[in-house]
Amino acid sequence: MTAAILQGVPATTLDTDIWLELPERRYVKALDIAKKLGAEILARTVVALADDTLVNFLYRIDGLKSFADEYDHAVALDWDGRQIRVLPLQRIIASKKHIKRPKDIAHLPLLNQTLKLKKKVSE
């Protein structure tokens, strides 16, 4: 949801998901980097940064194409002074529809409404 919030969706989230093009069995590499940067390791995919921000490392996202395919169509945004690439709202919606967890289904109306408003503004 962090990517959606950065694109104007009026929501909140407790963590930031970061999709890594890294085989899941190599998750220790991501944890080692996070630890060197001062993060506390909470689980094999979750770290708490020095400011208590939670980061969840993802190694695949169900309902989407490969990392490389999705990255090619990612949206470039500024986040805390850094240029990052995030999934566009349409792809976030596709993933949440595929996963079908209750919290993902609950986000769909906000995601769809924001997407419709962005399309209207751009017309």
N, C-alpha and C. Protein backbone atom coordinates (compact mmCIF):
# COMPACT_ATOMS: atom_id res chain seq x y z
N MET A 1 0.81 -1.21 0.00
CA MET A 1 0.00 0.00 0.00
C MET A 1 0.85 1.27 0.00
N THR A 2 2.10 1.18 0.39
CA THR A 2 2.94 2.37 0.36
C THR A 2 2.99 2.95 -1.06
N ALA A 3 3.15 2.09 -2.05
CA ALA A 3 3.18 2.56 -3.44
C ALA A 3 1.86 3.23 -3.82
N ALA A 4 0.75 2.68 -3.36
CA ALA A 4 -0.56 3.26 -3.65
C ALA A 4 -0.71 4.61 -2.95
N ILE A 5 -0.27 4.70 -1.71
CA ILE A 5 -0.36 5.95 -0.97
C ILE A 5 0.47 7.03 -1.66
N LEU A 6 1.66 6.66 -2.13
CA LEU A 6 2.51 7.62 -2.84
C LEU A 6 1.86 8.11 -4.14
N GLN A 7 0.89 7.34 -4.65
CA GLN A 7 0.19 7.72 -5.88
C GLN A 7 -1.16 8.36 -5.58
N GLY A 8 -1.39 8.72 -4.31
CA GLY A 8 -2.57 9.49 -3.96
C GLY A 8 -3.72 8.73 -3.33
N VAL A 9 -3.58 7.44 -3.07
CA VAL A 9 -4.66 6.68 -2.43
C VAL A 9 -4.73 7.11 -0.97
N PRO A 10 -5.93 7.52 -0.50
CA PRO A 10 -6.07 7.98 0.88
C PRO A 10 -6.18 6.79 1.84
N ALA A 11 -5.04 6.26 2.23
CA ALA A 11 -5.02 5.08 3.09
C ALA A 11 -3.81 5.16 4.02
N THR A 12 -3.70 4.19 4.88
CA THR A 12 -2.53 4.06 5.75
C THR A 12 -2.03 2.63 5.66
N THR A 13 -0.80 2.45 6.09
CA THR A 13 -0.22 1.11 6.14
C THR A 13 0.78 1.07 7.27
N LEU A 14 1.03 -0.12 7.77
CA LEU A 14 1.94 -0.27 8.89
C LEU A 14 3.36 -0.61 8.46
N ASP A 15 3.51 -1.05 7.22
CA ASP A 15 4.84 -1.43 6.76
C ASP A 15 5.01 -1.05 5.30
N THR A 16 6.24 -1.17 4.84
CA THR A 16 6.54 -0.93 3.43
C THR A 16 7.04 -2.24 2.84
N ASP A 17 6.40 -2.67 1.77
CA ASP A 17 6.82 -3.88 1.07
C ASP A 17 7.82 -3.49 0.00
N ILE A 18 8.94 -4.20 -0.05
CA ILE A 18 9.94 -3.98 -1.09
C ILE A 18 10.13 -5.29 -1.83
N TRP A 19 9.83 -5.25 -3.13
CA TRP A 19 9.96 -6.44 -3.98
C TRP A 19 11.40 -6.51 -4.47
N LEU A 20 12.07 -7.59 -4.18
CA LEU A 20 13.46 -7.79 -4.58
C LEU A 20 13.55 -8.85 -5.66
N GLU A 21 14.37 -8.59 -6.65
CA GLU A 21 14.63 -9.62 -7.66
C GLU A 21 15.78 -10.48 -7.11
N LEU A 22 15.40 -11.37 -6.22
CA LEU A 22 16.35 -12.20 -5.52
C LEU A 22 15.64 -13.51 -5.18
N PRO A 23 16.25 -14.64 -5.45
CA PRO A 23 15.58 -15.89 -5.08
C PRO A 23 15.30 -15.92 -3.57
N GLU A 24 14.13 -16.39 -3.21
CA GLU A 24 13.74 -16.38 -1.80
C GLU A 24 14.76 -17.07 -0.91
N ARG A 25 15.39 -18.10 -1.42
CA ARG A 25 16.37 -18.83 -0.60
C ARG A 25 17.61 -17.99 -0.31
N ARG A 26 17.74 -16.83 -0.96
CA ARG A 26 18.87 -15.93 -0.73
C ARG A 26 18.47 -14.73 0.12
N TYR A 27 17.37 -14.87 0.87
CA TYR A 27 16.85 -13.76 1.67
C TYR A 27 17.87 -13.22 2.67
N VAL A 28 18.82 -14.04 3.07
CA VAL A 28 19.82 -13.61 4.05
C VAL A 28 20.62 -12.42 3.53
N LYS A 29 20.81 -12.35 2.22
CA LYS A 29 21.55 -11.23 1.62
C LYS A 29 20.85 -9.90 1.94
N ALA A 30 19.54 -9.85 1.77
CA ALA A 30 18.78 -8.63 2.07
C ALA A 30 18.83 -8.31 3.56
N LEU A 31 18.72 -9.32 4.38
CA LEU A 31 18.78 -9.10 5.83
C LEU A 31 20.14 -8.59 6.26
N ASP A 32 21.20 -9.11 5.67
CA ASP A 32 22.55 -8.66 6.02
C ASP A 32 22.73 -7.18 5.68
N ILE A 33 22.25 -6.77 4.52
CA ILE A 33 22.35 -5.36 4.13
C ILE A 33 21.56 -4.49 5.10
N ALA A 34 20.34 -4.91 5.42
CA ALA A 34 19.50 -4.15 6.35
C ALA A 34 20.17 -4.03 7.71
N LYS A 35 20.74 -5.12 8.18
CA LYS A 35 21.40 -5.12 9.49
C LYS A 35 22.60 -4.17 9.49
N LYS A 36 23.37 -4.16 8.40
CA LYS A 36 24.51 -3.24 8.29
C LYS A 36 24.06 -1.79 8.32
N LEU A 37 22.83 -1.53 7.88
CA LEU A 37 22.28 -0.18 7.88
C LEU A 37 21.58 0.16 9.20
N GLY A 38 21.67 -0.74 10.18
CA GLY A 38 21.12 -0.47 11.50
C GLY A 38 19.74 -1.03 11.77
N ALA A 39 19.22 -1.84 10.88
CA ALA A 39 17.88 -2.42 11.08
C ALA A 39 17.95 -3.60 12.04
N GLU A 40 16.83 -3.83 12.70
CA GLU A 40 16.68 -5.00 13.56
C GLU A 40 15.90 -6.06 12.78
N ILE A 41 16.43 -7.25 12.73
CA ILE A 41 15.77 -8.33 12.01
C ILE A 41 14.67 -8.91 12.90
N LEU A 42 13.44 -8.90 12.42
CA LEU A 42 12.29 -9.41 13.17
C LEU A 42 11.85 -10.78 12.69
N ALA A 43 12.04 -11.06 11.41
CA ALA A 43 11.68 -12.35 10.81
C ALA A 43 12.51 -12.48 9.54
N ARG A 44 12.39 -13.61 8.86
CA ARG A 44 13.26 -13.79 7.69
C ARG A 44 12.93 -12.87 6.52
N THR A 45 11.80 -12.19 6.59
CA THR A 45 11.47 -11.22 5.54
C THR A 45 11.12 -9.84 6.10
N VAL A 46 11.24 -9.64 7.41
CA VAL A 46 10.80 -8.38 8.02
C VAL A 46 11.92 -7.78 8.87
N VAL A 47 12.13 -6.46 8.67
CA VAL A 47 13.09 -5.74 9.50
C VAL A 47 12.43 -4.47 10.02
N ALA A 48 12.94 -3.99 11.14
CA ALA A 48 12.54 -2.69 11.68
C ALA A 48 13.73 -1.76 11.54
N LEU A 49 13.51 -0.65 10.84
CA LEU A 49 14.58 0.33 10.67
C LEU A 49 14.80 1.08 11.98
N ALA A 50 15.84 1.88 12.03
CA ALA A 50 16.19 2.61 13.26
C ALA A 50 15.03 3.48 13.75
N ASP A 51 14.19 3.98 12.83
CA ASP A 51 13.04 4.82 13.24
C ASP A 51 11.78 4.00 13.47
N ASP A 52 11.94 2.67 13.58
CA ASP A 52 10.84 1.71 13.80
C ASP A 52 9.95 1.49 12.59
N THR A 53 10.32 2.00 11.44
CA THR A 53 9.60 1.69 10.21
C THR A 53 9.78 0.21 9.91
N LEU A 54 8.68 -0.47 9.63
CA LEU A 54 8.75 -1.88 9.28
C LEU A 54 8.89 -2.03 7.77
N VAL A 55 9.80 -2.89 7.36
CA VAL A 55 10.01 -3.20 5.95
C VAL A 55 9.86 -4.69 5.77
N ASN A 56 9.03 -5.07 4.80
CA ASN A 56 8.81 -6.47 4.48
C ASN A 56 9.38 -6.73 3.10
N PHE A 57 10.35 -7.63 3.01
CA PHE A 57 10.94 -7.99 1.73
C PHE A 57 10.10 -9.07 1.06
N LEU A 58 9.73 -8.81 -0.20
CA LEU A 58 8.96 -9.76 -0.99
C LEU A 58 9.84 -10.30 -2.10
N TYR A 59 9.71 -11.58 -2.39
CA TYR A 59 10.53 -12.19 -3.43
C TYR A 59 9.69 -12.60 -4.63
N ARG A 60 8.39 -12.50 -4.50
CA ARG A 60 7.46 -12.65 -5.61
C ARG A 60 6.15 -11.99 -5.18
N ILE A 61 5.39 -11.55 -6.16
CA ILE A 61 4.08 -10.99 -5.86
C ILE A 61 3.08 -11.73 -6.73
N ASP A 62 2.18 -12.43 -6.09
CA ASP A 62 1.21 -13.24 -6.82
C ASP A 62 0.28 -12.36 -7.65
N GLY A 63 -0.09 -12.90 -8.81
CA GLY A 63 -1.02 -12.20 -9.68
C GLY A 63 -0.36 -11.21 -10.62
N LEU A 64 0.97 -11.13 -10.59
CA LEU A 64 1.69 -10.21 -11.46
C LEU A 64 2.66 -10.96 -12.36
N LYS A 65 3.22 -10.24 -13.31
CA LYS A 65 4.24 -10.80 -14.21
C LYS A 65 5.57 -10.87 -13.45
N SER A 66 6.62 -11.19 -14.16
CA SER A 66 7.94 -11.27 -13.53
C SER A 66 8.38 -9.89 -13.03
N PHE A 67 9.35 -9.90 -12.14
CA PHE A 67 9.91 -8.65 -11.63
C PHE A 67 10.36 -7.76 -12.78
N ALA A 68 11.10 -8.33 -13.72
CA ALA A 68 11.63 -7.55 -14.84
C ALA A 68 10.51 -6.92 -15.67
N ASP A 69 9.45 -7.68 -15.96
CA ASP A 69 8.33 -7.15 -16.73
C ASP A 69 7.63 -6.01 -15.99
N GLU A 70 7.38 -6.22 -14.71
CA GLU A 70 6.69 -5.19 -13.93
C GLU A 70 7.58 -3.96 -13.75
N TYR A 71 8.88 -4.16 -13.57
CA TYR A 71 9.80 -3.04 -13.39
C TYR A 71 9.82 -2.15 -14.63
N ASP A 72 9.74 -2.76 -15.80
CA ASP A 72 9.74 -2.00 -17.05
C ASP A 72 8.56 -1.02 -17.13
N HIS A 73 7.48 -1.33 -16.43
CA HIS A 73 6.28 -0.49 -16.48
C HIS A 73 6.01 0.23 -15.15
N ALA A 74 6.99 0.20 -14.26
CA ALA A 74 6.83 0.84 -12.96
C ALA A 74 6.78 2.36 -13.10
N VAL A 75 6.20 2.99 -12.11
CA VAL A 75 6.08 4.44 -12.05
C VAL A 75 7.25 4.98 -11.24
N ALA A 76 7.94 5.99 -11.77
CA ALA A 76 9.04 6.63 -11.04
C ALA A 76 8.48 7.74 -10.17
N LEU A 77 8.80 7.70 -8.89
CA LEU A 77 8.31 8.69 -7.93
C LEU A 77 9.44 9.15 -7.02
N ASP A 78 9.23 10.29 -6.40
CA ASP A 78 10.16 10.78 -5.38
C ASP A 78 9.63 10.35 -4.02
N TRP A 79 10.48 9.75 -3.21
CA TRP A 79 10.09 9.34 -1.86
C TRP A 79 11.23 9.70 -0.92
N ASP A 80 10.97 10.65 -0.04
CA ASP A 80 11.98 11.12 0.90
C ASP A 80 13.27 11.53 0.20
N GLY A 81 13.11 12.23 -0.93
CA GLY A 81 14.25 12.73 -1.65
C GLY A 81 14.97 11.72 -2.53
N ARG A 82 14.42 10.53 -2.65
CA ARG A 82 15.03 9.50 -3.50
C ARG A 82 14.07 9.12 -4.61
N GLN A 83 14.62 8.86 -5.77
CA GLN A 83 13.83 8.38 -6.90
C GLN A 83 13.63 6.88 -6.73
N ILE A 84 12.38 6.46 -6.70
CA ILE A 84 12.07 5.03 -6.58
C ILE A 84 11.10 4.64 -7.69
N ARG A 85 10.99 3.35 -7.92
CA ARG A 85 10.02 2.84 -8.90
C ARG A 85 9.01 2.00 -8.14
N VAL A 86 7.73 2.23 -8.43
CA VAL A 86 6.65 1.51 -7.76
C VAL A 86 5.68 0.96 -8.79
N LEU A 87 4.95 -0.04 -8.38
CA LEU A 87 3.91 -0.59 -9.24
C LEU A 87 2.83 0.45 -9.46
N PRO A 88 2.36 0.61 -10.70
CA PRO A 88 1.23 1.52 -10.93
C PRO A 88 -0.04 0.96 -10.27
N LEU A 89 -0.99 1.83 -10.03
CA LEU A 89 -2.21 1.43 -9.33
C LEU A 89 -2.89 0.22 -9.98
N GLN A 90 -2.91 0.17 -11.31
CA GLN A 90 -3.57 -0.95 -11.99
C GLN A 90 -2.94 -2.29 -11.59
N ARG A 91 -1.63 -2.31 -11.43
CA ARG A 91 -0.93 -3.56 -11.09
C ARG A 91 -1.10 -3.89 -9.61
N ILE A 92 -1.18 -2.88 -8.76
CA ILE A 92 -1.47 -3.13 -7.34
C ILE A 92 -2.85 -3.74 -7.22
N ILE A 93 -3.79 -3.20 -7.96
CA ILE A 93 -5.16 -3.73 -7.96
C ILE A 93 -5.16 -5.18 -8.44
N ALA A 94 -4.45 -5.48 -9.51
CA ALA A 94 -4.39 -6.85 -10.05
C ALA A 94 -3.86 -7.82 -9.00
N SER A 95 -2.82 -7.43 -8.29
CA SER A 95 -2.26 -8.31 -7.27
C SER A 95 -3.23 -8.52 -6.12
N LYS A 96 -3.85 -7.45 -5.65
CA LYS A 96 -4.78 -7.57 -4.52
C LYS A 96 -6.01 -8.41 -4.90
N LYS A 97 -6.48 -8.27 -6.14
CA LYS A 97 -7.60 -9.10 -6.60
C LYS A 97 -7.21 -10.57 -6.63
N HIS A 98 -5.98 -10.85 -7.00
CA HIS A 98 -5.50 -12.23 -7.08
C HIS A 98 -5.31 -12.84 -5.69
N ILE A 99 -4.74 -12.08 -4.77
CA ILE A 99 -4.42 -12.59 -3.44
C ILE A 99 -5.69 -12.83 -2.62
N LYS A 100 -6.62 -11.88 -2.68
CA LYS A 100 -7.94 -12.01 -2.05
C LYS A 100 -7.94 -12.10 -0.53
N ARG A 101 -6.91 -11.58 0.15
CA ARG A 101 -6.96 -11.52 1.61
C ARG A 101 -7.99 -10.47 1.99
N PRO A 102 -8.63 -10.59 3.14
CA PRO A 102 -9.64 -9.60 3.54
C PRO A 102 -9.12 -8.15 3.48
N LYS A 103 -7.89 -7.91 3.94
CA LYS A 103 -7.39 -6.54 3.90
C LYS A 103 -7.16 -6.06 2.48
N ASP A 104 -6.80 -6.97 1.57
CA ASP A 104 -6.62 -6.58 0.16
C ASP A 104 -7.95 -6.24 -0.48
N ILE A 105 -8.96 -7.03 -0.21
CA ILE A 105 -10.31 -6.77 -0.73
C ILE A 105 -10.83 -5.44 -0.20
N ALA A 106 -10.53 -5.16 1.07
CA ALA A 106 -10.98 -3.90 1.68
C ALA A 106 -10.32 -2.69 1.02
N HIS A 107 -9.11 -2.84 0.51
CA HIS A 107 -8.41 -1.73 -0.15
C HIS A 107 -8.92 -1.45 -1.56
N LEU A 108 -9.53 -2.43 -2.19
CA LEU A 108 -9.92 -2.28 -3.60
C LEU A 108 -10.80 -1.07 -3.90
N PRO A 109 -11.83 -0.77 -3.09
CA PRO A 109 -12.64 0.42 -3.42
C PRO A 109 -11.82 1.72 -3.44
N LEU A 110 -10.92 1.89 -2.48
CA LEU A 110 -10.08 3.09 -2.46
C LEU A 110 -9.13 3.14 -3.66
N LEU A 111 -8.55 1.99 -3.98
CA LEU A 111 -7.65 1.92 -5.13
C LEU A 111 -8.38 2.25 -6.42
N ASN A 112 -9.53 1.63 -6.62
CA ASN A 112 -10.31 1.86 -7.84
C ASN A 112 -10.80 3.30 -7.94
N GLN A 113 -11.26 3.85 -6.82
CA GLN A 113 -11.74 5.23 -6.82
C GLN A 113 -10.61 6.20 -7.18
N THR A 114 -9.44 6.00 -6.61
CA THR A 114 -8.31 6.87 -6.90
C THR A 114 -7.90 6.74 -8.36
N LEU A 115 -7.89 5.51 -8.87
CA LEU A 115 -7.53 5.29 -10.27
C LEU A 115 -8.49 6.02 -11.20
N LYS A 116 -9.80 5.94 -10.91
CA LYS A 116 -10.81 6.63 -11.73
C LYS A 116 -10.61 8.15 -11.69
N LEU A 117 -10.33 8.68 -10.49
CA LEU A 117 -10.11 10.12 -10.36
C LEU A 117 -8.87 10.56 -11.12
N LYS A 118 -7.81 9.77 -11.06
CA LYS A 118 -6.57 10.12 -11.78
C LYS A 118 -6.83 10.11 -13.29
N LYS A 119 -7.62 9.16 -13.78
CA LYS A 119 -7.93 9.11 -15.21
C LYS A 119 -8.75 10.33 -15.62
N LYS A 120 -9.72 10.74 -14.79
CA LYS A 120 -10.54 11.91 -15.10
C LYS A 120 -9.68 13.17 -15.18
N VAL A 121 -8.77 13.31 -14.24
CA VAL A 121 -7.90 14.49 -14.21
C VAL A 121 -7.01 14.55 -15.44
N SER A 122 -6.55 13.40 -15.91
CA SER A 122 -5.64 13.37 -17.06
C SER A 122 -6.36 13.54 -18.40
N GLU A 123 -7.68 13.46 -18.41
CA GLU A 123 -8.45 13.59 -19.67
C GLU A 123 -8.59 15.01 -20.10
